[in-house]
């Protein structure tokens, strides 16, 4: 990856934090930055509602297939334990990996996505949600994790603002 592209992408997300249209401005900037530097077909951000034992989609670049507000139950699956409880990334490299982890794997594959990178959104030792990137088979590897973690952390102010806004409503 070109250092200039990375610098421009990170700078665009940082500038978006100053925009008054939050959290949308930050989420849009993140989606574009991740597309330019890591790559994705489907990009979503989910927040974790511990009390309700659900995850809620607060951003998506494919609103028809994966609308904002969609919820998934939190289970005790190995994926949930790894990503949500221990705060470790997950890489699924092919359709078999998706089938093993996601109940909606058929929809994911129908969108041309056969690999996934899930990055926990971490704050003060807690997983608040996930940044999710999906792409063609074998797209993601461990070399993507550190940059994706940076983008996940840059998402935190907007995610936390969204959660505060919802709790006040």
C-alpha atoms as a PDB file:
ATOM      1  CA  UNK A   1       0.000   0.000   0.000  1.00  0.00           C
ATOM      2  CA  UNK A   2       1.206   3.485  -0.786  1.00  0.00           C
ATOM      3  CA  UNK A   3       2.052   5.532   2.317  1.00  0.00           C
ATOM      4  CA  UNK A   4       0.368   8.598   0.802  1.00  0.00           C
ATOM      5  CA  UNK A   5      -2.923   6.708   0.348  1.00  0.00           C
ATOM      6  CA  UNK A   6      -2.776   5.504   3.950  1.00  0.00           C
ATOM      7  CA  UNK A   7      -2.004   9.009   5.235  1.00  0.00           C
ATOM      8  CA  UNK A   8      -4.855  10.495   3.200  1.00  0.00           C
ATOM      9  CA  UNK A   9      -7.289   7.817   4.403  1.00  0.00           C
ATOM     10  CA  UNK A  10      -6.399   8.249   8.071  1.00  0.00           C
ATOM     11  CA  UNK A  11      -6.514  12.022   7.743  1.00  0.00           C
ATOM     12  CA  UNK A  12      -9.963  11.890   6.117  1.00  0.00           C
ATOM     13  CA  UNK A  13     -11.351   9.916   9.069  1.00  0.00           C
ATOM     14  CA  UNK A  14      -9.737  12.310  11.554  1.00  0.00           C
ATOM     15  CA  UNK A  15     -11.230  15.305   9.707  1.00  0.00           C
ATOM     16  CA  UNK A  16     -14.641  13.629   9.702  1.00  0.00           C
ATOM     17  CA  UNK A  17     -14.620  13.667  13.509  1.00  0.00           C
ATOM     18  CA  UNK A  18     -15.021  17.456  13.338  1.00  0.00           C
ATOM     19  CA  UNK A  19     -18.094  17.277  11.108  1.00  0.00           C
ATOM     20  CA  UNK A  20     -21.385  18.157  12.789  1.00  0.00           C
ATOM     21  CA  UNK A  21     -23.242  15.313  11.046  1.00  0.00           C
ATOM     22  CA  UNK A  22     -22.269  12.610  13.531  1.00  0.00           C
ATOM     23  CA  UNK A  23     -22.020   9.704  13.567  1.00  0.00           C
ATOM     24  CA  UNK A  24     -22.771   9.468   9.833  1.00  0.00           C
ATOM     25  CA  UNK A  25     -19.808  11.602   8.721  1.00  0.00           C
ATOM     26  CA  UNK A  26     -17.328   9.444  10.605  1.00  0.00           C
ATOM     27  CA  UNK A  27     -18.925   6.182   9.491  1.00  0.00           C
ATOM     28  CA  UNK A  28     -18.929   7.285   5.835  1.00  0.00           C
ATOM     29  CA  UNK A  29     -15.271   8.360   6.057  1.00  0.00           C
ATOM     30  CA  UNK A  30     -14.330   5.054   7.680  1.00  0.00           C
ATOM     31  CA  UNK A  31     -16.093   3.048   4.988  1.00  0.00           C
ATOM     32  CA  UNK A  32     -14.246   4.943   2.240  1.00  0.00           C
ATOM     33  CA  UNK A  33     -10.897   4.695   4.022  1.00  0.00           C
ATOM     34  CA  UNK A  34     -11.244   0.961   4.614  1.00  0.00           C
ATOM     35  CA  UNK A  35     -12.295   0.437   0.978  1.00  0.00           C
ATOM     36  CA  UNK A  36      -9.213   2.327  -0.242  1.00  0.00           C
ATOM     37  CA  UNK A  37      -6.660   0.714   2.072  1.00  0.00           C
ATOM     38  CA  UNK A  38      -7.868  -2.765   3.059  1.00  0.00           C
ATOM     39  CA  UNK A  39     -10.744  -3.421   0.669  1.00  0.00           C
ATOM     40  CA  UNK A  40     -14.296  -4.688   1.089  1.00  0.00           C
ATOM     41  CA  UNK A  41     -17.542  -5.384  -0.705  1.00  0.00           C
ATOM     42  CA  UNK A  42     -19.697  -5.290   2.413  1.00  0.00           C
ATOM     43  CA  UNK A  43     -18.827  -3.036   5.357  1.00  0.00           C
ATOM     44  CA  UNK A  44     -20.839  -2.882   8.561  1.00  0.00           C
ATOM     45  CA  UNK A  45     -20.495  -1.604  12.108  1.00  0.00           C
ATOM     46  CA  UNK A  46     -22.348  -3.388  14.902  1.00  0.00           C
ATOM     47  CA  UNK A  47     -22.768  -2.386  18.532  1.00  0.00           C
ATOM     48  CA  UNK A  48     -23.140  -4.833  21.359  1.00  0.00           C
ATOM     49  CA  UNK A  49     -26.164  -4.539  23.674  1.00  0.00           C
ATOM     50  CA  UNK A  50     -25.134  -6.717  26.621  1.00  0.00           C
ATOM     51  CA  UNK A  51     -28.357  -6.421  28.592  1.00  0.00           C
ATOM     52  CA  UNK A  52     -30.513  -7.361  25.593  1.00  0.00           C
ATOM     53  CA  UNK A  53     -27.981  -9.999  24.428  1.00  0.00           C
ATOM     54  CA  UNK A  54     -28.071  -8.557  20.904  1.00  0.00           C
ATOM     55  CA  UNK A  55     -25.805  -6.857  18.400  1.00  0.00           C
ATOM     56  CA  UNK A  56     -27.285  -4.030  16.338  1.00  0.00           C
ATOM     57  CA  UNK A  57     -26.144  -2.818  12.930  1.00  0.00           C
ATOM     58  CA  UNK A  58     -25.566   0.937  13.081  1.00  0.00           C
ATOM     59  CA  UNK A  59     -23.837   1.328   9.703  1.00  0.00           C
ATOM     60  CA  UNK A  60     -23.822  -0.568   6.414  1.00  0.00           C
ATOM     61  CA  UNK A  61     -22.831   0.141   2.843  1.00  0.00           C
ATOM     62  CA  UNK A  62     -25.499  -2.334   1.602  1.00  0.00           C
ATOM     63  CA  UNK A  63     -28.714  -1.054   3.160  1.00  0.00           C
ATOM     64  CA  UNK A  64     -31.038  -3.292   1.164  1.00  0.00           C
ATOM     65  CA  UNK A  65     -29.360  -6.565   2.138  1.00  0.00           C
ATOM     66  CA  UNK A  66     -28.232  -5.450   5.605  1.00  0.00           C
ATOM     67  CA  UNK A  67     -30.317  -2.518   6.839  1.00  0.00           C
ATOM     68  CA  UNK A  68     -29.321  -0.223   9.682  1.00  0.00           C
ATOM     69  CA  UNK A  69     -31.097  -1.288  12.851  1.00  0.00           C
ATOM     70  CA  UNK A  70     -30.921  -4.992  12.087  1.00  0.00           C
ATOM     71  CA  UNK A  71     -30.220  -7.081  15.188  1.00  0.00           C
ATOM     72  CA  UNK A  72     -28.568 -10.427  15.807  1.00  0.00           C
ATOM     73  CA  UNK A  73     -28.761 -12.475  18.993  1.00  0.00           C
ATOM     74  CA  UNK A  74     -25.621 -12.821  21.085  1.00  0.00           C
ATOM     75  CA  UNK A  75     -24.897 -16.498  21.623  1.00  0.00           C
ATOM     76  CA  UNK A  76     -22.177 -18.475  23.340  1.00  0.00           C
ATOM     77  CA  UNK A  77     -20.639 -19.563  20.023  1.00  0.00           C
ATOM     78  CA  UNK A  78     -16.850 -19.805  19.623  1.00  0.00           C
ATOM     79  CA  UNK A  79     -16.973 -16.699  17.364  1.00  0.00           C
ATOM     80  CA  UNK A  80     -18.776 -14.686  20.083  1.00  0.00           C
ATOM     81  CA  UNK A  81     -16.320 -15.874  22.710  1.00  0.00           C
ATOM     82  CA  UNK A  82     -13.325 -14.939  20.544  1.00  0.00           C
ATOM     83  CA  UNK A  83     -14.503 -11.590  19.200  1.00  0.00           C
ATOM     84  CA  UNK A  84     -16.976 -10.223  21.728  1.00  0.00           C
ATOM     85  CA  UNK A  85     -15.689 -11.693  24.983  1.00  0.00           C
ATOM     86  CA  UNK A  86     -11.918 -11.919  24.461  1.00  0.00           C
ATOM     87  CA  UNK A  87     -11.730  -9.003  22.015  1.00  0.00           C
ATOM     88  CA  UNK A  88      -9.734 -10.858  19.375  1.00  0.00           C
ATOM     89  CA  UNK A  89     -10.138 -10.386  15.604  1.00  0.00           C
ATOM     90  CA  UNK A  90     -11.640 -13.095  13.431  1.00  0.00           C
ATOM     91  CA  UNK A  91     -10.586 -13.903   9.867  1.00  0.00           C
ATOM     92  CA  UNK A  92     -12.774 -16.182   7.762  1.00  0.00           C
ATOM     93  CA  UNK A  93     -11.032 -16.974   4.522  1.00  0.00           C
ATOM     94  CA  UNK A  94     -13.685 -18.822   2.500  1.00  0.00           C
ATOM     95  CA  UNK A  95     -17.354 -19.775   2.237  1.00  0.00           C
ATOM     96  CA  UNK A  96     -16.835 -22.785   4.510  1.00  0.00           C
ATOM     97  CA  UNK A  97     -15.529 -20.496   7.260  1.00  0.00           C
ATOM     98  CA  UNK A  98     -18.571 -18.235   6.818  1.00  0.00           C
ATOM     99  CA  UNK A  99     -20.917 -21.234   6.976  1.00  0.00           C
ATOM    100  CA  UNK A 100     -19.344 -22.324  10.258  1.00  0.00           C
ATOM    101  CA  UNK A 101     -19.817 -18.915  11.891  1.00  0.00           C
ATOM    102  CA  UNK A 102     -22.739 -16.962  10.403  1.00  0.00           C
ATOM    103  CA  UNK A 103     -26.364 -18.094  10.208  1.00  0.00           C
ATOM    104  CA  UNK A 104     -26.865 -15.762   7.201  1.00  0.00           C
ATOM    105  CA  UNK A 105     -23.925 -17.209   5.237  1.00  0.00           C
ATOM    106  CA  UNK A 106     -26.092 -17.838   2.157  1.00  0.00           C
ATOM    107  CA  UNK A 107     -26.984 -14.136   1.886  1.00  0.00           C
ATOM    108  CA  UNK A 108     -23.338 -13.173   2.440  1.00  0.00           C
ATOM    109  CA  UNK A 109     -22.158 -15.490  -0.343  1.00  0.00           C
ATOM    110  CA  UNK A 110     -24.933 -14.272  -2.670  1.00  0.00           C
ATOM    111  CA  UNK A 111     -23.427 -10.769  -2.362  1.00  0.00           C
ATOM    112  CA  UNK A 112     -20.084 -12.036  -3.662  1.00  0.00           C
ATOM    113  CA  UNK A 113     -18.519 -12.173  -0.203  1.00  0.00           C
ATOM    114  CA  UNK A 114     -16.565 -15.261   0.758  1.00  0.00           C
ATOM    115  CA  UNK A 115     -14.141 -13.882   3.328  1.00  0.00           C
ATOM    116  CA  UNK A 116     -14.527 -11.760   6.438  1.00  0.00           C
ATOM    117  CA  UNK A 117     -12.481  -9.702   8.844  1.00  0.00           C
ATOM    118  CA  UNK A 118     -14.223  -8.860  12.142  1.00  0.00           C
ATOM    119  CA  UNK A 119     -12.407  -6.386  14.380  1.00  0.00           C
ATOM    120  CA  UNK A 120     -13.654  -5.733  17.917  1.00  0.00           C
ATOM    121  CA  UNK A 121     -14.327  -2.127  18.912  1.00  0.00           C
ATOM    122  CA  UNK A 122     -12.557  -1.999  22.281  1.00  0.00           C
ATOM    123  CA  UNK A 123     -12.737   0.582  25.058  1.00  0.00           C
ATOM    124  CA  UNK A 124     -11.467   0.193  28.614  1.00  0.00           C
ATOM    125  CA  UNK A 125     -11.217  -3.591  28.363  1.00  0.00           C
ATOM    126  CA  UNK A 126     -14.726  -4.019  26.937  1.00  0.00           C
ATOM    127  CA  UNK A 127     -15.885  -4.927  23.446  1.00  0.00           C
ATOM    128  CA  UNK A 128     -18.502  -2.379  22.411  1.00  0.00           C
ATOM    129  CA  UNK A 129     -19.120  -3.853  18.965  1.00  0.00           C
ATOM    130  CA  UNK A 130     -17.386  -4.841  15.751  1.00  0.00           C
ATOM    131  CA  UNK A 131     -16.087  -3.373  12.521  1.00  0.00           C
ATOM    132  CA  UNK A 132     -16.893  -5.925   9.797  1.00  0.00           C
ATOM    133  CA  UNK A 133     -15.367  -6.194   6.351  1.00  0.00           C
ATOM    134  CA  UNK A 134     -16.381  -8.847   3.814  1.00  0.00           C
ATOM    135  CA  UNK A 135     -14.869  -9.484   0.406  1.00  0.00           C
ATOM    136  CA  UNK A 136     -14.002 -12.137  -2.159  1.00  0.00           C
ATOM    137  CA  UNK A 137     -12.486 -15.452  -1.093  1.00  0.00           C
ATOM    138  CA  UNK A 138      -9.078 -15.327   0.609  1.00  0.00           C
ATOM    139  CA  UNK A 139      -9.014 -11.521   0.598  1.00  0.00           C
ATOM    140  CA  UNK A 140      -8.131 -11.016   4.272  1.00  0.00           C
ATOM    141  CA  UNK A 141      -5.101 -12.254   6.172  1.00  0.00           C
ATOM    142  CA  UNK A 142      -3.256 -11.393   9.359  1.00  0.00           C
ATOM    143  CA  UNK A 143      -1.481  -8.545   7.567  1.00  0.00           C
ATOM    144  CA  UNK A 144      -4.771  -6.597   7.541  1.00  0.00           C
ATOM    145  CA  UNK A 145      -5.446  -6.833  11.269  1.00  0.00           C
ATOM    146  CA  UNK A 146      -3.318  -3.983  12.634  1.00  0.00           C
ATOM    147  CA  UNK A 147      -4.570  -1.360  10.185  1.00  0.00           C
ATOM    148  CA  UNK A 148      -8.140  -2.556  10.688  1.00  0.00           C
ATOM    149  CA  UNK A 149      -7.647  -2.137  14.460  1.00  0.00           C
ATOM    150  CA  UNK A 150      -6.627   1.483  13.882  1.00  0.00           C
ATOM    151  CA  UNK A 151      -9.812   2.088  11.889  1.00  0.00           C
ATOM    152  CA  UNK A 152     -11.881   0.358  14.578  1.00  0.00           C
ATOM    153  CA  UNK A 153     -10.444   2.642  17.230  1.00  0.00           C
ATOM    154  CA  UNK A 154     -11.110   5.676  15.019  1.00  0.00           C
ATOM    155  CA  UNK A 155     -14.754   4.544  14.895  1.00  0.00           C
ATOM    156  CA  UNK A 156     -15.106   4.679  18.682  1.00  0.00           C
ATOM    157  CA  UNK A 157     -16.035   8.357  19.173  1.00  0.00           C
ATOM    158  CA  UNK A 158     -18.893   8.064  16.685  1.00  0.00           C
ATOM    159  CA  UNK A 159     -20.023   4.686  18.048  1.00  0.00           C
ATOM    160  CA  UNK A 160     -20.008   5.989  21.613  1.00  0.00           C
ATOM    161  CA  UNK A 161     -21.851   9.160  20.564  1.00  0.00           C
ATOM    162  CA  UNK A 162     -24.466   7.001  18.819  1.00  0.00           C
ATOM    163  CA  UNK A 163     -24.940   4.902  21.955  1.00  0.00           C
ATOM    164  CA  UNK A 164     -25.235   7.996  24.156  1.00  0.00           C
ATOM    165  CA  UNK A 165     -27.767   9.529  21.770  1.00  0.00           C
ATOM    166  CA  UNK A 166     -29.862   6.335  21.816  1.00  0.00           C
ATOM    167  CA  UNK A 167     -29.781   6.021  25.593  1.00  0.00           C
ATOM    168  CA  UNK A 168     -31.015   9.624  25.933  1.00  0.00           C
ATOM    169  CA  UNK A 169     -33.906   9.072  23.492  1.00  0.00           C
END
